[in-house]
PDB file of N, CA and C in Angstrom:
ATOM      1  N   ASN A   1       0.851  -1.181   0.000  1.00  0.00           N
ATOM      2  CA  ASN A   1       0.000   0.000   0.000  1.00  0.00           C
ATOM      3  C   ASN A   1       0.893   1.240   0.000  1.00  0.00           C
ATOM      4  N   SER A   2       0.738   2.093  -0.989  1.00  0.00           N
ATOM      5  CA  SER A   2       1.543   3.311  -1.070  1.00  0.00           C
ATOM      6  C   SER A   2       0.827   4.519  -0.479  1.00  0.00           C
ATOM      7  N   CYS A   3      -0.329   4.296   0.095  1.00  0.00           N
ATOM      8  CA  CYS A   3      -1.112   5.373   0.685  1.00  0.00           C
ATOM      9  C   CYS A   3      -0.551   5.756   2.047  1.00  0.00           C
ATOM     10  N   VAL A   4      -0.504   7.045   2.313  1.00  0.00           N
ATOM     11  CA  VAL A   4      -0.175   7.526   3.651  1.00  0.00           C
ATOM     12  C   VAL A   4      -1.521   7.893   4.266  1.00  0.00           C
ATOM     13  N   CYS A   5      -2.128   6.914   4.919  1.00  0.00           N
ATOM     14  CA  CYS A   5      -3.510   7.057   5.375  1.00  0.00           C
ATOM     15  C   CYS A   5      -3.598   6.981   6.894  1.00  0.00           C
ATOM     16  N   SER A   6      -4.717   7.429   7.400  1.00  0.00           N
ATOM     17  CA  SER A   6      -4.964   7.337   8.839  1.00  0.00           C
ATOM     18  C   SER A   6      -5.239   5.875   9.206  1.00  0.00           C
ATOM     19  N   LYS A   7      -5.128   5.579  10.476  1.00  0.00           N
ATOM     20  CA  LYS A   7      -5.415   4.222  10.957  1.00  0.00           C
ATOM     21  C   LYS A   7      -6.859   3.841  10.621  1.00  0.00           C
ATOM     22  N   LYS A   8      -7.786   4.785  10.792  1.00  0.00           N
ATOM     23  CA  LYS A   8      -9.193   4.519  10.495  1.00  0.00           C
ATOM     24  C   LYS A   8      -9.381   4.180   9.017  1.00  0.00           C
ATOM     25  N   SER A   9      -8.720   4.924   8.147  1.00  0.00           N
ATOM     26  CA  SER A   9      -8.820   4.666   6.711  1.00  0.00           C
ATOM     27  C   SER A   9      -8.277   3.280   6.360  1.00  0.00           C
ATOM     28  N   ASP A  10      -7.141   2.902   6.959  1.00  0.00           N
ATOM     29  CA  ASP A  10      -6.579   1.574   6.733  1.00  0.00           C
ATOM     30  C   ASP A  10      -7.533   0.487   7.200  1.00  0.00           C
ATOM     31  N   GLU A  11      -8.172   0.703   8.353  1.00  0.00           N
ATOM     32  CA  GLU A  11      -9.129  -0.282   8.879  1.00  0.00           C
ATOM     33  C   GLU A  11     -10.323  -0.431   7.940  1.00  0.00           C
ATOM     34  N   GLN A  12     -10.825   0.687   7.411  1.00  0.00           N
ATOM     35  CA  GLN A  12     -11.956   0.634   6.482  1.00  0.00           C
ATOM     36  C   GLN A  12     -11.554  -0.061   5.183  1.00  0.00           C
ATOM     37  N   SER A  13     -10.345   0.210   4.695  1.00  0.00           N
ATOM     38  CA  SER A  13      -9.865  -0.418   3.463  1.00  0.00           C
ATOM     39  C   SER A  13      -9.714  -1.922   3.621  1.00  0.00           C
ATOM     40  N   ALA A  14      -9.428  -2.377   4.828  1.00  0.00           N
ATOM     41  CA  ALA A  14      -9.281  -3.806   5.086  1.00  0.00           C
ATOM     42  C   ALA A  14     -10.633  -4.506   5.227  1.00  0.00           C
ATOM     43  N   LYS A  15     -11.706  -3.717   5.360  1.00  0.00           N
ATOM     44  CA  LYS A  15     -13.023  -4.305   5.612  1.00  0.00           C
ATOM     45  C   LYS A  15     -14.013  -4.125   4.463  1.00  0.00           C
ATOM     46  N   TYR A  16     -13.905  -3.020   3.730  1.00  0.00           N
ATOM     47  CA  TYR A  16     -14.907  -2.714   2.707  1.00  0.00           C
ATOM     48  C   TYR A  16     -14.304  -2.666   1.307  1.00  0.00           C
ATOM     49  N   VAL A  17     -15.140  -2.948   0.315  1.00  0.00           N
ATOM     50  CA  VAL A  17     -14.731  -2.852  -1.085  1.00  0.00           C
ATOM     51  C   VAL A  17     -14.409  -1.393  -1.388  1.00  0.00           C
ATOM     52  N   GLY A  18     -13.304  -1.180  -2.090  1.00  0.00           N
ATOM     53  CA  GLY A  18     -12.901   0.176  -2.445  1.00  0.00           C
ATOM     54  C   GLY A  18     -13.015   0.409  -3.941  1.00  0.00           C
ATOM     55  N   ARG A  19     -13.168   1.668  -4.340  1.00  0.00           N
ATOM     56  CA  ARG A  19     -13.229   2.036  -5.752  1.00  0.00           C
ATOM     57  C   ARG A  19     -12.546   3.381  -5.936  1.00  0.00           C
ATOM     58  N   THR A  20     -11.701   3.469  -6.943  1.00  0.00           N
ATOM     59  CA  THR A  20     -11.042   4.732  -7.252  1.00  0.00           C
ATOM     60  C   THR A  20     -11.087   4.952  -8.762  1.00  0.00           C
ATOM     61  N   PRO A  21     -11.274   6.196  -9.214  1.00  0.00           N
ATOM     62  CA  PRO A  21     -11.290   6.453 -10.651  1.00  0.00           C
ATOM     63  C   PRO A  21      -9.891   6.321 -11.253  1.00  0.00           C
ATOM     64  N   ILE A  22      -9.834   5.786 -12.456  1.00  0.00           N
ATOM     65  CA  ILE A  22      -8.582   5.652 -13.197  1.00  0.00           C
ATOM     66  C   ILE A  22      -8.781   6.341 -14.544  1.00  0.00           C
ATOM     67  N   PRO A  23      -8.072   7.441 -14.797  1.00  0.00           N
ATOM     68  CA  PRO A  23      -8.209   8.109 -16.099  1.00  0.00           C
ATOM     69  C   PRO A  23      -7.569   7.271 -17.196  1.00  0.00           C
ATOM     70  N   PHE A  24      -8.168   7.280 -18.364  1.00  0.00           N
ATOM     71  CA  PHE A  24      -7.606   6.582 -19.527  1.00  0.00           C
ATOM     72  C   PHE A  24      -6.929   7.574 -20.435  1.00  0.00           C
ATOM     73  N   PRO A  25      -5.948   7.225 -21.193  1.00  0.00           N
ATOM     74  CA  PRO A  25      -5.407   5.870 -21.252  1.00  0.00           C
ATOM     75  C   PRO A  25      -4.564   5.575 -20.021  1.00  0.00           C
ATOM     76  N   TYR A  26      -4.669   4.367 -19.554  1.00  0.00           N
ATOM     77  CA  TYR A  26      -3.947   3.922 -18.363  1.00  0.00           C
ATOM     78  C   TYR A  26      -2.901   2.913 -18.795  1.00  0.00           C
ATOM     79  N   TYR A  27      -1.690   3.113 -18.362  1.00  0.00           N
ATOM     80  CA  TYR A  27      -0.649   2.151 -18.676  1.00  0.00           C
ATOM     81  C   TYR A  27       0.381   2.149 -17.565  1.00  0.00           C
ATOM     82  N   ILE A  28       1.145   1.098 -17.517  1.00  0.00           N
ATOM     83  CA  ILE A  28       2.157   0.938 -16.488  1.00  0.00           C
ATOM     84  C   ILE A  28       3.515   0.859 -17.162  1.00  0.00           C
ATOM     85  N   PHE A  29       4.466   1.621 -16.655  1.00  0.00           N
ATOM     86  CA  PHE A  29       5.825   1.523 -17.173  1.00  0.00           C
ATOM     87  C   PHE A  29       6.484   0.269 -16.612  1.00  0.00           C
ATOM     88  N   THR A  30       7.064  -0.508 -17.482  1.00  0.00           N
ATOM     89  CA  THR A  30       7.835  -1.671 -17.064  1.00  0.00           C
ATOM     90  C   THR A  30       9.153  -1.668 -17.814  1.00  0.00           C
ATOM     91  N   LYS A  31      10.050  -2.522 -17.403  1.00  0.00           N
ATOM     92  CA  LYS A  31      11.340  -2.630 -18.077  1.00  0.00           C
ATOM     93  C   LYS A  31      11.162  -3.102 -19.521  1.00  0.00           C
ATOM     94  N   LEU A  32      10.065  -3.803 -19.796  1.00  0.00           N
ATOM     95  CA  LEU A  32       9.852  -4.354 -21.132  1.00  0.00           C
ATOM     96  C   LEU A  32       9.362  -3.313 -22.126  1.00  0.00           C
ATOM     97  N   MET A  33       8.842  -2.202 -21.637  1.00  0.00           N
ATOM     98  CA  MET A  33       8.345  -1.170 -22.553  1.00  0.00           C
ATOM     99  C   MET A  33       9.523  -0.362 -23.079  1.00  0.00           C
ATOM    100  N   THR A  34       9.583  -0.225 -24.375  1.00  0.00           N
ATOM    101  CA  THR A  34      10.691   0.515 -24.968  1.00  0.00           C
ATOM    102  C   THR A  34      10.250   1.846 -25.531  1.00  0.00           C
ATOM    103  N   PHE A  35       8.972   2.134 -25.442  1.00  0.00           N
ATOM    104  CA  PHE A  35       8.504   3.404 -25.994  1.00  0.00           C
ATOM    105  C   PHE A  35       7.502   4.031 -25.031  1.00  0.00           C
ATOM    106  N   PRO A  36       7.510   5.345 -24.862  1.00  0.00           N
ATOM    107  CA  PRO A  36       6.466   5.982 -24.044  1.00  0.00           C
ATOM    108  C   PRO A  36       5.206   6.166 -24.894  1.00  0.00           C
ATOM    109  N   LEU A  37       4.077   6.143 -24.253  1.00  0.00           N
ATOM    110  CA  LEU A  37       2.821   6.385 -24.938  1.00  0.00           C
ATOM    111  C   LEU A  37       2.728   7.860 -25.267  1.00  0.00           C
ATOM    112  N   LYS A  38       2.491   8.183 -26.516  1.00  0.00           N
ATOM    113  CA  LYS A  38       2.373   9.586 -26.924  1.00  0.00           C
ATOM    114  C   LYS A  38       0.970   9.823 -27.457  1.00  0.00           C
ATOM    115  N   LEU A  39       0.301  10.767 -26.858  1.00  0.00           N
ATOM    116  CA  LEU A  39      -1.056  11.106 -27.273  1.00  0.00           C
ATOM    117  C   LEU A  39      -1.044  12.451 -27.981  1.00  0.00           C
ATOM    118  N   PRO A  40      -1.941  12.633 -28.948  1.00  0.00           N
ATOM    119  CA  PRO A  40      -2.021  13.942 -29.600  1.00  0.00           C
ATOM    120  C   PRO A  40      -2.441  15.013 -28.602  1.00  0.00           C
ATOM    121  N   LYS A  41      -1.984  16.229 -28.800  1.00  0.00           N
ATOM    122  CA  LYS A  41      -2.325  17.328 -27.888  1.00  0.00           C
ATOM    123  C   LYS A  41      -3.833  17.547 -27.809  1.00  0.00           C
ATOM    124  N   GLU A  42      -4.546  17.228 -28.858  1.00  0.00           N
ATOM    125  CA  GLU A  42      -5.996  17.448 -28.871  1.00  0.00           C
ATOM    126  C   GLU A  42      -6.777  16.298 -28.227  1.00  0.00           C
ATOM    127  N   TYR A  43      -6.088  15.340 -27.598  1.00  0.00           N
ATOM    128  CA  TYR A  43      -6.779  14.239 -26.928  1.00  0.00           C
ATOM    129  C   TYR A  43      -6.804  14.475 -25.423  1.00  0.00           C
ATOM    130  N   PRO A  44      -7.930  14.313 -24.777  1.00  0.00           N
ATOM    131  CA  PRO A  44      -9.263  14.197 -25.353  1.00  0.00           C
ATOM    132  C   PRO A  44      -9.741  15.552 -25.842  1.00  0.00           C
ATOM    133  N   PRO A  45     -10.738  15.569 -26.724  1.00  0.00           N
ATOM    134  CA  PRO A  45     -11.250  16.856 -27.202  1.00  0.00           C
ATOM    135  C   PRO A  45     -11.725  17.727 -26.032  1.00  0.00           C
ATOM    136  N   ALA A  46     -11.603  19.031 -26.179  1.00  0.00           N
ATOM    137  CA  ALA A  46     -11.964  19.971 -25.109  1.00  0.00           C
ATOM    138  C   ALA A  46     -13.418  19.824 -24.671  1.00  0.00           C
ATOM    139  N   TRP A  47     -14.286  19.429 -25.566  1.00  0.00           N
ATOM    140  CA  TRP A  47     -15.712  19.308 -25.236  1.00  0.00           C
ATOM    141  C   TRP A  47     -16.050  17.972 -24.602  1.00  0.00           C
ATOM    142  N   MET A  48     -15.065  17.103 -24.487  1.00  0.00           N
ATOM    143  CA  MET A  48     -15.315  15.767 -23.957  1.00  0.00           C
ATOM    144  C   MET A  48     -14.501  15.556 -22.678  1.00  0.00           C
ATOM    145  N   PRO A  49     -15.121  15.078 -21.612  1.00  0.00           N
ATOM    146  CA  PRO A  49     -14.353  14.830 -20.395  1.00  0.00           C
ATOM    147  C   PRO A  49     -13.369  13.680 -20.615  1.00  0.00           C
ATOM    148  N   ASN A  50     -12.334  13.641 -19.801  1.00  0.00           N
ATOM    149  CA  ASN A  50     -11.380  12.542 -19.910  1.00  0.00           C
ATOM    150  C   ASN A  50     -12.108  11.219 -19.699  1.00  0.00           C
ATOM    151  N   PRO A  51     -11.857  10.255 -20.575  1.00  0.00           N
ATOM    152  CA  PRO A  51     -12.476   8.940 -20.340  1.00  0.00           C
ATOM    153  C   PRO A  51     -11.853   8.324 -19.098  1.00  0.00           C
ATOM    154  N   GLN A  52     -12.630   7.583 -18.360  1.00  0.00           N
ATOM    155  CA  GLN A  52     -12.090   6.952 -17.173  1.00  0.00           C
ATOM    156  C   GLN A  52     -12.792   5.646 -16.879  1.00  0.00           C
ATOM    157  N   GLY A  53     -12.137   4.854 -16.113  1.00  0.00           N
ATOM    158  CA  GLY A  53     -12.691   3.606 -15.608  1.00  0.00           C
ATOM    159  C   GLY A  53     -12.516   3.614 -14.106  1.00  0.00           C
ATOM    160  N   PHE A  54     -12.666   2.465 -13.501  1.00  0.00           N
ATOM    161  CA  PHE A  54     -12.535   2.382 -12.045  1.00  0.00           C
ATOM    162  C   PHE A  54     -11.705   1.171 -11.657  1.00  0.00           C
ATOM    163  N   TRP A  55     -10.927   1.330 -10.616  1.00  0.00           N
ATOM    164  CA  TRP A  55     -10.155   0.242 -10.033  1.00  0.00           C
ATOM    165  C   TRP A  55     -10.869  -0.144  -8.752  1.00  0.00           C
ATOM    166  N   TYR A  56     -11.223  -1.418  -8.647  1.00  0.00           N
ATOM    167  CA  TYR A  56     -11.900  -1.912  -7.450  1.00  0.00           C
ATOM    168  C   TYR A  56     -10.919  -2.749  -6.631  1.00  0.00           C
ATOM    169  N   SER A  57     -10.992  -2.634  -5.325  1.00  0.00           N
ATOM    170  CA  SER A  57     -10.187  -3.477  -4.449  1.00  0.00           C
ATOM    171  C   SER A  57     -11.123  -4.249  -3.530  1.00  0.00           C
ATOM    172  N   PHE A  58     -10.866  -5.531  -3.427  1.00  0.00           N
ATOM    173  CA  PHE A  58     -11.699  -6.417  -2.622  1.00  0.00           C
ATOM    174  C   PHE A  58     -10.824  -7.023  -1.521  1.00  0.00           C
ATOM    175  N   PRO A  59     -10.988  -6.586  -0.271  1.00  0.00           N
ATOM    176  CA  PRO A  59     -10.141  -7.098   0.807  1.00  0.00           C
ATOM    177  C   PRO A  59     -10.434  -8.576   1.103  1.00  0.00           C
ATOM    178  N   ALA A  60      -9.404  -9.401   1.001  1.00  0.00           N
ATOM    179  CA  ALA A  60      -9.569 -10.843   1.178  1.00  0.00           C
ATOM    180  C   ALA A  60     -10.141 -11.202   2.549  1.00  0.00           C
ATOM    181  N   ALA A  61      -9.722 -10.513   3.584  1.00  0.00           N
ATOM    182  CA  ALA A  61     -10.180 -10.841   4.939  1.00  0.00           C
ATOM    183  C   ALA A  61     -11.671 -10.593   5.141  1.00  0.00           C
ATOM    184  N   ALA A  62     -12.277  -9.764   4.303  1.00  0.00           N
ATOM    185  CA  ALA A  62     -13.693  -9.420   4.460  1.00  0.00           C
ATOM    186  C   ALA A  62     -14.604 -10.216   3.527  1.00  0.00           C
ATOM    187  N   ARG A  63     -14.025 -11.160   2.777  1.00  0.00           N
ATOM    188  CA  ARG A  63     -14.835 -11.958   1.841  1.00  0.00           C
ATOM    189  C   ARG A  63     -15.702 -12.956   2.602  1.00  0.00           C
ATOM    190  N   CYS A  64     -16.964 -13.065   2.214  1.00  0.00           N
ATOM    191  CA  CYS A  64     -17.879 -14.022   2.832  1.00  0.00           C
ATOM    192  C   CYS A  64     -17.549 -15.435   2.348  1.00  0.00           C
ATOM    193  N   ARG A  65     -17.661 -16.379   3.229  1.00  0.00           N
ATOM    194  CA  ARG A  65     -17.495 -17.782   2.850  1.00  0.00           C
ATOM    195  C   ARG A  65     -18.741 -18.236   2.094  1.00  0.00           C
ATOM    196  N   PRO A  66     -18.644 -19.297   1.306  1.00  0.00           N
ATOM    197  CA  PRO A  66     -19.831 -19.805   0.608  1.00  0.00           C
ATOM    198  C   PRO A  66     -20.972 -20.070   1.590  1.00  0.00           C
ATOM    199  N   GLY A  67     -22.141 -19.541   1.273  1.00  0.00           N
ATOM    200  CA  GLY A  67     -23.320 -19.725   2.116  1.00  0.00           C
ATOM    201  C   GLY A  67     -23.427 -18.741   3.269  1.00  0.00           C
ATOM    202  N   GLN A  68     -22.419 -17.951   3.502  1.00  0.00           N
ATOM    203  CA  GLN A  68     -22.432 -16.981   4.599  1.00  0.00           C
ATOM    204  C   GLN A  68     -23.181 -15.720   4.165  1.00  0.00           C
ATOM    205  N   ALA A  69     -24.014 -15.184   5.030  1.00  0.00           N
ATOM    206  CA  ALA A  69     -24.775 -13.968   4.726  1.00  0.00           C
ATOM    207  C   ALA A  69     -23.883 -12.743   4.875  1.00  0.00           C
ATOM    208  N   LEU A  70     -24.142 -11.738   4.051  1.00  0.00           N
ATOM    209  CA  LEU A  70     -23.410 -10.480   4.177  1.00  0.00           C
ATOM    210  C   LEU A  70     -23.570  -9.929   5.586  1.00  0.00           C
ATOM    211  N   GLY A  71     -22.483  -9.474   6.183  1.00  0.00           N
ATOM    212  CA  GLY A  71     -22.522  -8.924   7.530  1.00  0.00           C
ATOM    213  C   GLY A  71     -22.311  -9.960   8.611  1.00  0.00           C
ATOM    214  N   GLU A  72     -22.485 -11.217   8.270  1.00  0.00           N
ATOM    215  CA  GLU A  72     -22.286 -12.289   9.249  1.00  0.00           C
ATOM    216  C   GLU A  72     -20.782 -12.531   9.421  1.00  0.00           C
ATOM    217  N   GLY A  73     -20.318 -12.491  10.656  1.00  0.00           N
ATOM    218  CA  GLY A  73     -18.899 -12.728  10.898  1.00  0.00           C
ATOM    219  C   GLY A  73     -18.001 -11.674  10.264  1.00  0.00           C
ATOM    220  N   ASN A  74     -18.496 -10.456  10.138  1.00  0.00           N
ATOM    221  CA  ASN A  74     -17.730  -9.331   9.568  1.00  0.00           C
ATOM    222  C   ASN A  74     -17.418  -9.462   8.080  1.00  0.00           C
ATOM    223  N   CYS A  75     -18.128 -10.328   7.358  1.00  0.00           N
ATOM    224  CA  CYS A  75     -17.894 -10.372   5.914  1.00  0.00           C
ATOM    225  C   CYS A  75     -18.703  -9.232   5.263  1.00  0.00           C
ATOM    226  N   THR A  76     -18.085  -8.570   4.282  1.00  0.00           N
ATOM    227  CA  THR A  76     -18.732  -7.404   3.664  1.00  0.00           C
ATOM    228  C   THR A  76     -18.919  -7.542   2.157  1.00  0.00           C
ATOM    229  N   TRP A  77     -18.404  -8.624   1.557  1.00  0.00           N
ATOM    230  CA  TRP A  77     -18.602  -8.818   0.116  1.00  0.00           C
ATOM    231  C   TRP A  77     -18.479 -10.308  -0.212  1.00  0.00           C
ATOM    232  N   ARG A  78     -19.067 -10.650  -1.375  1.00  0.00           N
ATOM    233  CA  ARG A  78     -18.979 -12.030  -1.870  1.00  0.00           C
ATOM    234  C   ARG A  78     -19.170 -12.028  -3.372  1.00  0.00           C
ATOM    235  N   ARG A  79     -18.678 -13.054  -3.997  1.00  0.00           N
ATOM    236  CA  ARG A  79     -18.888 -13.223  -5.438  1.00  0.00           C
ATOM    237  C   ARG A  79     -20.234 -13.854  -5.667  1.00  0.00           C
ATOM    238  N   GLU A  80     -20.842 -13.497  -6.767  1.00  0.00           N
ATOM    239  CA  GLU A  80     -22.110 -14.074  -7.169  1.00  0.00           C
ATOM    240  C   GLU A  80     -21.933 -14.674  -8.556  1.00  0.00           C
ATOM    241  N   ALA A  81     -22.804 -15.570  -8.927  1.00  0.00           N
ATOM    242  CA  ALA A  81     -22.722 -16.187 -10.250  1.00  0.00           C
ATOM    243  C   ALA A  81     -22.845 -15.127 -11.338  1.00  0.00           C
ATOM    244  N   SER A  82     -23.632 -14.099 -11.079  1.00  0.00           N
ATOM    245  CA  SER A  82     -23.795 -12.992 -12.023  1.00  0.00           C
ATOM    246  C   SER A  82     -23.696 -11.701 -11.237  1.00  0.00           C
ATOM    247  N   SER A  83     -22.814 -10.831 -11.668  1.00  0.00           N
ATOM    248  CA  SER A  83     -22.603  -9.570 -10.941  1.00  0.00           C
ATOM    249  C   SER A  83     -22.713  -8.383 -11.871  1.00  0.00           C
ATOM    250  N   THR A  84     -23.150  -7.277 -11.340  1.00  0.00           N
ATOM    251  CA  THR A  84     -23.194  -6.018 -12.067  1.00  0.00           C
ATOM    252  C   THR A  84     -22.513  -4.971 -11.219  1.00  0.00           C
ATOM    253  N   LEU A  85     -21.567  -4.267 -11.805  1.00  0.00           N
ATOM    254  CA  LEU A  85     -20.881  -3.204 -11.071  1.00  0.00           C
ATOM    255  C   LEU A  85     -21.373  -1.864 -11.545  1.00  0.00           C
TER     256      LEU A  85
END
């Protein structure tokens, strides 16, 4: 975790699903990349907001066991056969 956060914030992050906006284009520099991404100066157009997506974090310790109800035993999230975000 690279966040310099309060103890309360760390506790909440360990218990609840998190979401943060990620502006596009999103890329990661690695040793394997030999070229930087270059975008035209007119991207994105002035009349259009920056495109973005979201990064979700799911704390493993807060995952519900199969058959466990949300909130039971401090679980705050679970996978479903079909999910919508």
